[in-house]
Every structure is written in C-alpha cells, then in structure tokens.
Amino acid sequence: MVKINGESFDIAGKSIEKYLIDAGYDTKRVAVELNGDILSKLQYENTILCDGDCVEVVCFVGGG
C-alpha cells in the first residue's frame, strides 16, 4: 500500500506520473513529495511507487 495525502492506495509498481494522470491531476500544476523528498517534474515518469511509500501531492492554485 502507498499512502498519498494520508489515504492508502494499492498502487505499488505504478509511476508517479501514471498515478497523477489517472487521478486527474495536471502534472504541470502540482508538487510531489516522496518520503520527505521533493521530486522534480523530470522524475515523475521514472519514479516507481513501492509498498510503504508516503506521498504528498500539493496543487498550485492561481487567483487574482
């Protein structure tokens, strides 16, 4: 199980990028922290989630 924003998901083996797209996130407007480390957007495609990983996804919102 992978914990994402405090909720557990059975998605071990999936890339960060695949999870974000499947979950409906705009990959250009999020920041991702994996086990306490912030990932660069270039790492999303090749970073594979493993059992026990802890992920935080933060969305950027514009306003005026």
PDB file of N, CA and C in Angstrom:
ATOM      1  N   MET A   1       0.838  -1.184   0.000  1.00  0.00           N
ATOM      2  CA  MET A   1       0.000   0.000   0.000  1.00  0.00           C
ATOM      3  C   MET A   1       0.884   1.249   0.000  1.00  0.00           C
ATOM      4  N   VAL A   2       0.434   2.254  -0.707  1.00  0.00           N
ATOM      5  CA  VAL A   2       1.110   3.541  -0.785  1.00  0.00           C
ATOM      6  C   VAL A   2       0.194   4.577  -0.140  1.00  0.00           C
ATOM      7  N   LYS A   3       0.741   5.384   0.746  1.00  0.00           N
ATOM      8  CA  LYS A   3      -0.062   6.418   1.404  1.00  0.00           C
ATOM      9  C   LYS A   3       0.112   7.720   0.625  1.00  0.00           C
ATOM     10  N   ILE A   4      -1.010   8.260   0.140  1.00  0.00           N
ATOM     11  CA  ILE A   4      -0.989   9.513  -0.619  1.00  0.00           C
ATOM     12  C   ILE A   4      -1.916  10.498   0.061  1.00  0.00           C
ATOM     13  N   ASN A   5      -1.357  11.619   0.475  1.00  0.00           N
ATOM     14  CA  ASN A   5      -2.102  12.651   1.196  1.00  0.00           C
ATOM     15  C   ASN A   5      -2.921  12.039   2.341  1.00  0.00           C
ATOM     16  N   GLY A   6      -2.303  11.071   3.045  1.00  0.00           N
ATOM     17  CA  GLY A   6      -2.922  10.477   4.214  1.00  0.00           C
ATOM     18  C   GLY A   6      -3.871   9.320   3.944  1.00  0.00           C
ATOM     19  N   GLU A   7      -4.097   8.982   2.688  1.00  0.00           N
ATOM     20  CA  GLU A   7      -5.017   7.903   2.327  1.00  0.00           C
ATOM     21  C   GLU A   7      -4.240   6.764   1.661  1.00  0.00           C
ATOM     22  N   SER A   8      -4.555   5.527   1.989  1.00  0.00           N
ATOM     23  CA  SER A   8      -3.836   4.364   1.448  1.00  0.00           C
ATOM     24  C   SER A   8      -4.421   3.907   0.114  1.00  0.00           C
ATOM     25  N   PHE A   9      -3.514   3.588  -0.822  1.00  0.00           N
ATOM     26  CA  PHE A   9      -3.893   3.109  -2.153  1.00  0.00           C
ATOM     27  C   PHE A   9      -3.048   1.897  -2.509  1.00  0.00           C
ATOM     28  N   ASP A  10      -3.624   0.946  -3.219  1.00  0.00           N
ATOM     29  CA  ASP A  10      -2.903  -0.237  -3.681  1.00  0.00           C
ATOM     30  C   ASP A  10      -2.371   0.040  -5.088  1.00  0.00           C
ATOM     31  N   ILE A  11      -1.311   0.855  -5.159  1.00  0.00           N
ATOM     32  CA  ILE A  11      -0.785   1.260  -6.471  1.00  0.00           C
ATOM     33  C   ILE A  11       0.721   1.050  -6.581  1.00  0.00           C
ATOM     34  N   ALA A  12       1.288   0.200  -5.728  1.00  0.00           N
ATOM     35  CA  ALA A  12       2.715  -0.099  -5.837  1.00  0.00           C
ATOM     36  C   ALA A  12       3.007  -0.613  -7.244  1.00  0.00           C
ATOM     37  N   GLY A  13       4.125  -0.170  -7.822  1.00  0.00           N
ATOM     38  CA  GLY A  13       4.504  -0.561  -9.175  1.00  0.00           C
ATOM     39  C   GLY A  13       4.123   0.456 -10.233  1.00  0.00           C
ATOM     40  N   LYS A  14       3.314   1.430  -9.861  1.00  0.00           N
ATOM     41  CA  LYS A  14       2.885   2.487 -10.788  1.00  0.00           C
ATOM     42  C   LYS A  14       3.833   3.672 -10.650  1.00  0.00           C
ATOM     43  N   SER A  15       4.091   4.366 -11.748  1.00  0.00           N
ATOM     44  CA  SER A  15       4.943   5.558 -11.675  1.00  0.00           C
ATOM     45  C   SER A  15       4.157   6.725 -11.070  1.00  0.00           C
ATOM     46  N   ILE A  16       4.892   7.682 -10.547  1.00  0.00           N
ATOM     47  CA  ILE A  16       4.266   8.904 -10.026  1.00  0.00           C
ATOM     48  C   ILE A  16       3.450   9.559 -11.142  1.00  0.00           C
ATOM     49  N   GLU A  17       4.034   9.663 -12.329  1.00  0.00           N
ATOM     50  CA  GLU A  17       3.336  10.305 -13.447  1.00  0.00           C
ATOM     51  C   GLU A  17       2.029   9.592 -13.773  1.00  0.00           C
ATOM     52  N   LYS A  18       2.056   8.272 -13.830  1.00  0.00           N
ATOM     53  CA  LYS A  18       0.846   7.494 -14.149  1.00  0.00           C
ATOM     54  C   LYS A  18      -0.219   7.705 -13.072  1.00  0.00           C
ATOM     55  N   TYR A  19       0.190   7.686 -11.799  1.00  0.00           N
ATOM     56  CA  TYR A  19      -0.777   7.939 -10.723  1.00  0.00           C
ATOM     57  C   TYR A  19      -1.408   9.314 -10.884  1.00  0.00           C
ATOM     58  N   LEU A  20      -0.584  10.347 -11.096  1.00  0.00           N
ATOM     59  CA  LEU A  20      -1.100  11.716 -11.198  1.00  0.00           C
ATOM     60  C   LEU A  20      -2.102  11.843 -12.342  1.00  0.00           C
ATOM     61  N   ILE A  21      -1.763  11.284 -13.494  1.00  0.00           N
ATOM     62  CA  ILE A  21      -2.659  11.356 -14.653  1.00  0.00           C
ATOM     63  C   ILE A  21      -3.954  10.592 -14.377  1.00  0.00           C
ATOM     64  N   ASP A  22      -3.841   9.377 -13.848  1.00  0.00           N
ATOM     65  CA  ASP A  22      -5.026   8.562 -13.553  1.00  0.00           C
ATOM     66  C   ASP A  22      -5.926   9.234 -12.513  1.00  0.00           C
ATOM     67  N   ALA A  23      -5.311   9.972 -11.573  1.00  0.00           N
ATOM     68  CA  ALA A  23      -6.079  10.635 -10.517  1.00  0.00           C
ATOM     69  C   ALA A  23      -6.626  11.991 -10.962  1.00  0.00           C
ATOM     70  N   GLY A  24      -6.293  12.419 -12.191  1.00  0.00           N
ATOM     71  CA  GLY A  24      -6.849  13.653 -12.730  1.00  0.00           C
ATOM     72  C   GLY A  24      -6.074  14.917 -12.399  1.00  0.00           C
ATOM     73  N   TYR A  25      -4.839  14.762 -11.919  1.00  0.00           N
ATOM     74  CA  TYR A  25      -4.019  15.937 -11.625  1.00  0.00           C
ATOM     75  C   TYR A  25      -3.404  16.501 -12.902  1.00  0.00           C
ATOM     76  N   ASP A  26      -3.241  17.808 -12.953  1.00  0.00           N
ATOM     77  CA  ASP A  26      -2.480  18.464 -14.015  1.00  0.00           C
ATOM     78  C   ASP A  26      -1.018  18.438 -13.558  1.00  0.00           C
ATOM     79  N   THR A  27      -0.200  17.607 -14.191  1.00  0.00           N
ATOM     80  CA  THR A  27       1.180  17.405 -13.730  1.00  0.00           C
ATOM     81  C   THR A  27       2.017  18.680 -13.766  1.00  0.00           C
ATOM     82  N   LYS A  28       1.569  19.680 -14.502  1.00  0.00           N
ATOM     83  CA  LYS A  28       2.297  20.956 -14.551  1.00  0.00           C
ATOM     84  C   LYS A  28       1.960  21.853 -13.366  1.00  0.00           C
ATOM     85  N   ARG A  29       0.887  21.525 -12.640  1.00  0.00           N
ATOM     86  CA  ARG A  29       0.420  22.395 -11.560  1.00  0.00           C
ATOM     87  C   ARG A  29       0.443  21.723 -10.187  1.00  0.00           C
ATOM     88  N   VAL A  30       1.348  20.738 -10.030  1.00  0.00           N
ATOM     89  CA  VAL A  30       1.470  20.068  -8.739  1.00  0.00           C
ATOM     90  C   VAL A  30       2.926  19.997  -8.311  1.00  0.00           C
ATOM     91  N   ALA A  31       3.121  19.821  -7.021  1.00  0.00           N
ATOM     92  CA  ALA A  31       4.420  19.476  -6.459  1.00  0.00           C
ATOM     93  C   ALA A  31       4.236  18.146  -5.751  1.00  0.00           C
ATOM     94  N   VAL A  32       5.242  17.282  -5.839  1.00  0.00           N
ATOM     95  CA  VAL A  32       5.153  15.958  -5.241  1.00  0.00           C
ATOM     96  C   VAL A  32       6.320  15.740  -4.294  1.00  0.00           C
ATOM     97  N   GLU A  33       5.975  15.287  -3.096  1.00  0.00           N
ATOM     98  CA  GLU A  33       6.975  14.908  -2.098  1.00  0.00           C
ATOM     99  C   GLU A  33       6.865  13.401  -1.898  1.00  0.00           C
ATOM    100  N   LEU A  34       7.994  12.715  -2.007  1.00  0.00           N
ATOM    101  CA  LEU A  34       8.034  11.265  -1.834  1.00  0.00           C
ATOM    102  C   LEU A  34       8.951  10.938  -0.666  1.00  0.00           C
ATOM    103  N   ASN A  35       8.393  10.381   0.380  1.00  0.00           N
ATOM    104  CA  ASN A  35       9.157  10.001   1.567  1.00  0.00           C
ATOM    105  C   ASN A  35      10.023  11.143   2.094  1.00  0.00           C
ATOM    106  N   GLY A  36       9.455  12.357   2.074  1.00  0.00           N
ATOM    107  CA  GLY A  36      10.133  13.520   2.635  1.00  0.00           C
ATOM    108  C   GLY A  36      10.998  14.291   1.665  1.00  0.00           C
ATOM    109  N   ASP A  37      11.157  13.799   0.439  1.00  0.00           N
ATOM    110  CA  ASP A  37      11.975  14.484  -0.569  1.00  0.00           C
ATOM    111  C   ASP A  37      11.090  15.014  -1.688  1.00  0.00           C
ATOM    112  N   ILE A  38      11.304  16.272  -2.051  1.00  0.00           N
ATOM    113  CA  ILE A  38      10.545  16.860  -3.169  1.00  0.00           C
ATOM    114  C   ILE A  38      11.148  16.368  -4.474  1.00  0.00           C
ATOM    115  N   LEU A  39      10.280  15.891  -5.368  1.00  0.00           N
ATOM    116  CA  LEU A  39      10.721  15.397  -6.672  1.00  0.00           C
ATOM    117  C   LEU A  39      10.654  16.500  -7.712  1.00  0.00           C
ATOM    118  N   SER A  40      11.594  16.484  -8.637  1.00  0.00           N
ATOM    119  CA  SER A  40      11.484  17.387  -9.784  1.00  0.00           C
ATOM    120  C   SER A  40      10.497  16.759 -10.758  1.00  0.00           C
ATOM    121  N   LYS A  41       9.890  17.569 -11.574  1.00  0.00           N
ATOM    122  CA  LYS A  41       8.912  17.053 -12.540  1.00  0.00           C
ATOM    123  C   LYS A  41       9.552  16.037 -13.492  1.00  0.00           C
ATOM    124  N   LEU A  42      10.848  16.168 -13.724  1.00  0.00           N
ATOM    125  CA  LEU A  42      11.553  15.227 -14.594  1.00  0.00           C
ATOM    126  C   LEU A  42      11.614  13.822 -13.995  1.00  0.00           C
ATOM    127  N   GLN A  43      11.421  13.693 -12.687  1.00  0.00           N
ATOM    128  CA  GLN A  43      11.479  12.402 -12.012  1.00  0.00           C
ATOM    129  C   GLN A  43      10.138  11.663 -11.997  1.00  0.00           C
ATOM    130  N   TYR A  44       9.044  12.340 -12.302  1.00  0.00           N
ATOM    131  CA  TYR A  44       7.721  11.731 -12.186  1.00  0.00           C
ATOM    132  C   TYR A  44       7.588  10.455 -13.029  1.00  0.00           C
ATOM    133  N   GLU A  45       8.079  10.492 -14.264  1.00  0.00           N
ATOM    134  CA  GLU A  45       7.905   9.368 -15.183  1.00  0.00           C
ATOM    135  C   GLU A  45       8.667   8.119 -14.725  1.00  0.00           C
ATOM    136  N   ASN A  46       9.859   8.308 -14.160  1.00  0.00           N
ATOM    137  CA  ASN A  46      10.720   7.170 -13.833  1.00  0.00           C
ATOM    138  C   ASN A  46      10.720   6.775 -12.362  1.00  0.00           C
ATOM    139  N   THR A  47       9.952   7.472 -11.532  1.00  0.00           N
ATOM    140  CA  THR A  47       9.887   7.130 -10.121  1.00  0.00           C
ATOM    141  C   THR A  47       8.718   6.177  -9.901  1.00  0.00           C
ATOM    142  N   ILE A  48       9.048   4.942  -9.513  1.00  0.00           N
ATOM    143  CA  ILE A  48       8.053   3.894  -9.321  1.00  0.00           C
ATOM    144  C   ILE A  48       7.700   3.811  -7.841  1.00  0.00           C
ATOM    145  N   LEU A  49       6.405   3.807  -7.562  1.00  0.00           N
ATOM    146  CA  LEU A  49       5.928   3.722  -6.179  1.00  0.00           C
ATOM    147  C   LEU A  49       6.095   2.307  -5.641  1.00  0.00           C
ATOM    148  N   CYS A  50       6.503   2.225  -4.374  1.00  0.00           N
ATOM    149  CA  CYS A  50       6.718   0.937  -3.702  1.00  0.00           C
ATOM    150  C   CYS A  50       5.846   0.860  -2.460  1.00  0.00           C
ATOM    151  N   ASP A  51       5.558  -0.370  -2.026  1.00  0.00           N
ATOM    152  CA  ASP A  51       4.814  -0.555  -0.777  1.00  0.00           C
ATOM    153  C   ASP A  51       5.516   0.202   0.343  1.00  0.00           C
ATOM    154  N   GLY A  52       4.732   0.924   1.133  1.00  0.00           N
ATOM    155  CA  GLY A  52       5.273   1.677   2.256  1.00  0.00           C
ATOM    156  C   GLY A  52       5.651   3.107   1.937  1.00  0.00           C
ATOM    157  N   ASP A  53       5.642   3.494   0.651  1.00  0.00           N
ATOM    158  CA  ASP A  53       5.964   4.878   0.295  1.00  0.00           C
ATOM    159  C   ASP A  53       4.897   5.823   0.841  1.00  0.00           C
ATOM    160  N   CYS A  54       5.333   7.030   1.144  1.00  0.00           N
ATOM    161  CA  CYS A  54       4.444   8.089   1.616  1.00  0.00           C
ATOM    162  C   CYS A  54       4.592   9.278   0.676  1.00  0.00           C
ATOM    163  N   VAL A  55       3.493   9.679   0.053  1.00  0.00           N
ATOM    164  CA  VAL A  55       3.487  10.719  -0.966  1.00  0.00           C
ATOM    165  C   VAL A  55       2.567  11.860  -0.537  1.00  0.00           C
ATOM    166  N   GLU A  56       3.013  13.059  -0.779  1.00  0.00           N
ATOM    167  CA  GLU A  56       2.161  14.237  -0.607  1.00  0.00           C
ATOM    168  C   GLU A  56       2.102  14.947  -1.956  1.00  0.00           C
ATOM    169  N   VAL A  57       0.895  15.228  -2.413  1.00  0.00           N
ATOM    170  CA  VAL A  57       0.687  15.946  -3.670  1.00  0.00           C
ATOM    171  C   VAL A  57       0.033  17.276  -3.315  1.00  0.00           C
ATOM    172  N   VAL A  58       0.662  18.375  -3.759  1.00  0.00           N
ATOM    173  CA  VAL A  58       0.148  19.712  -3.491  1.00  0.00           C
ATOM    174  C   VAL A  58      -0.159  20.376  -4.830  1.00  0.00           C
ATOM    175  N   CYS A  59      -1.379  20.881  -4.963  1.00  0.00           N
ATOM    176  CA  CYS A  59      -1.797  21.565  -6.193  1.00  0.00           C
ATOM    177  C   CYS A  59      -1.592  23.076  -6.057  1.00  0.00           C
ATOM    178  N   PHE A  60      -1.126  23.678  -7.141  1.00  0.00           N
ATOM    179  CA  PHE A  60      -0.981  25.126  -7.184  1.00  0.00           C
ATOM    180  C   PHE A  60      -2.267  25.721  -7.733  1.00  0.00           C
ATOM    181  N   VAL A  61      -2.746  26.763  -7.081  1.00  0.00           N
ATOM    182  CA  VAL A  61      -3.976  27.407  -7.493  1.00  0.00           C
ATOM    183  C   VAL A  61      -3.682  28.892  -7.711  1.00  0.00           C
ATOM    184  N   GLY A  62      -4.079  29.391  -8.854  1.00  0.00           N
ATOM    185  CA  GLY A  62      -3.898  30.818  -9.143  1.00  0.00           C
ATOM    186  C   GLY A  62      -5.122  31.606  -8.732  1.00  0.00           C
ATOM    187  N   GLY A  63      -4.923  32.834  -8.516  1.00  0.00           N
ATOM    188  CA  GLY A  63      -6.043  33.689  -8.143  1.00  0.00           C
ATOM    189  C   GLY A  63      -5.715  35.129  -8.451  1.00  0.00           C
ATOM    190  N   GLY A  64      -6.675  35.969  -8.244  1.00  0.00           N
ATOM    191  CA  GLY A  64      -6.394  37.339  -8.567  1.00  0.00           C
ATOM    192  C   GLY A  64      -7.219  38.259  -7.828  1.00  0.00           C
TER     193      GLY A  64
END
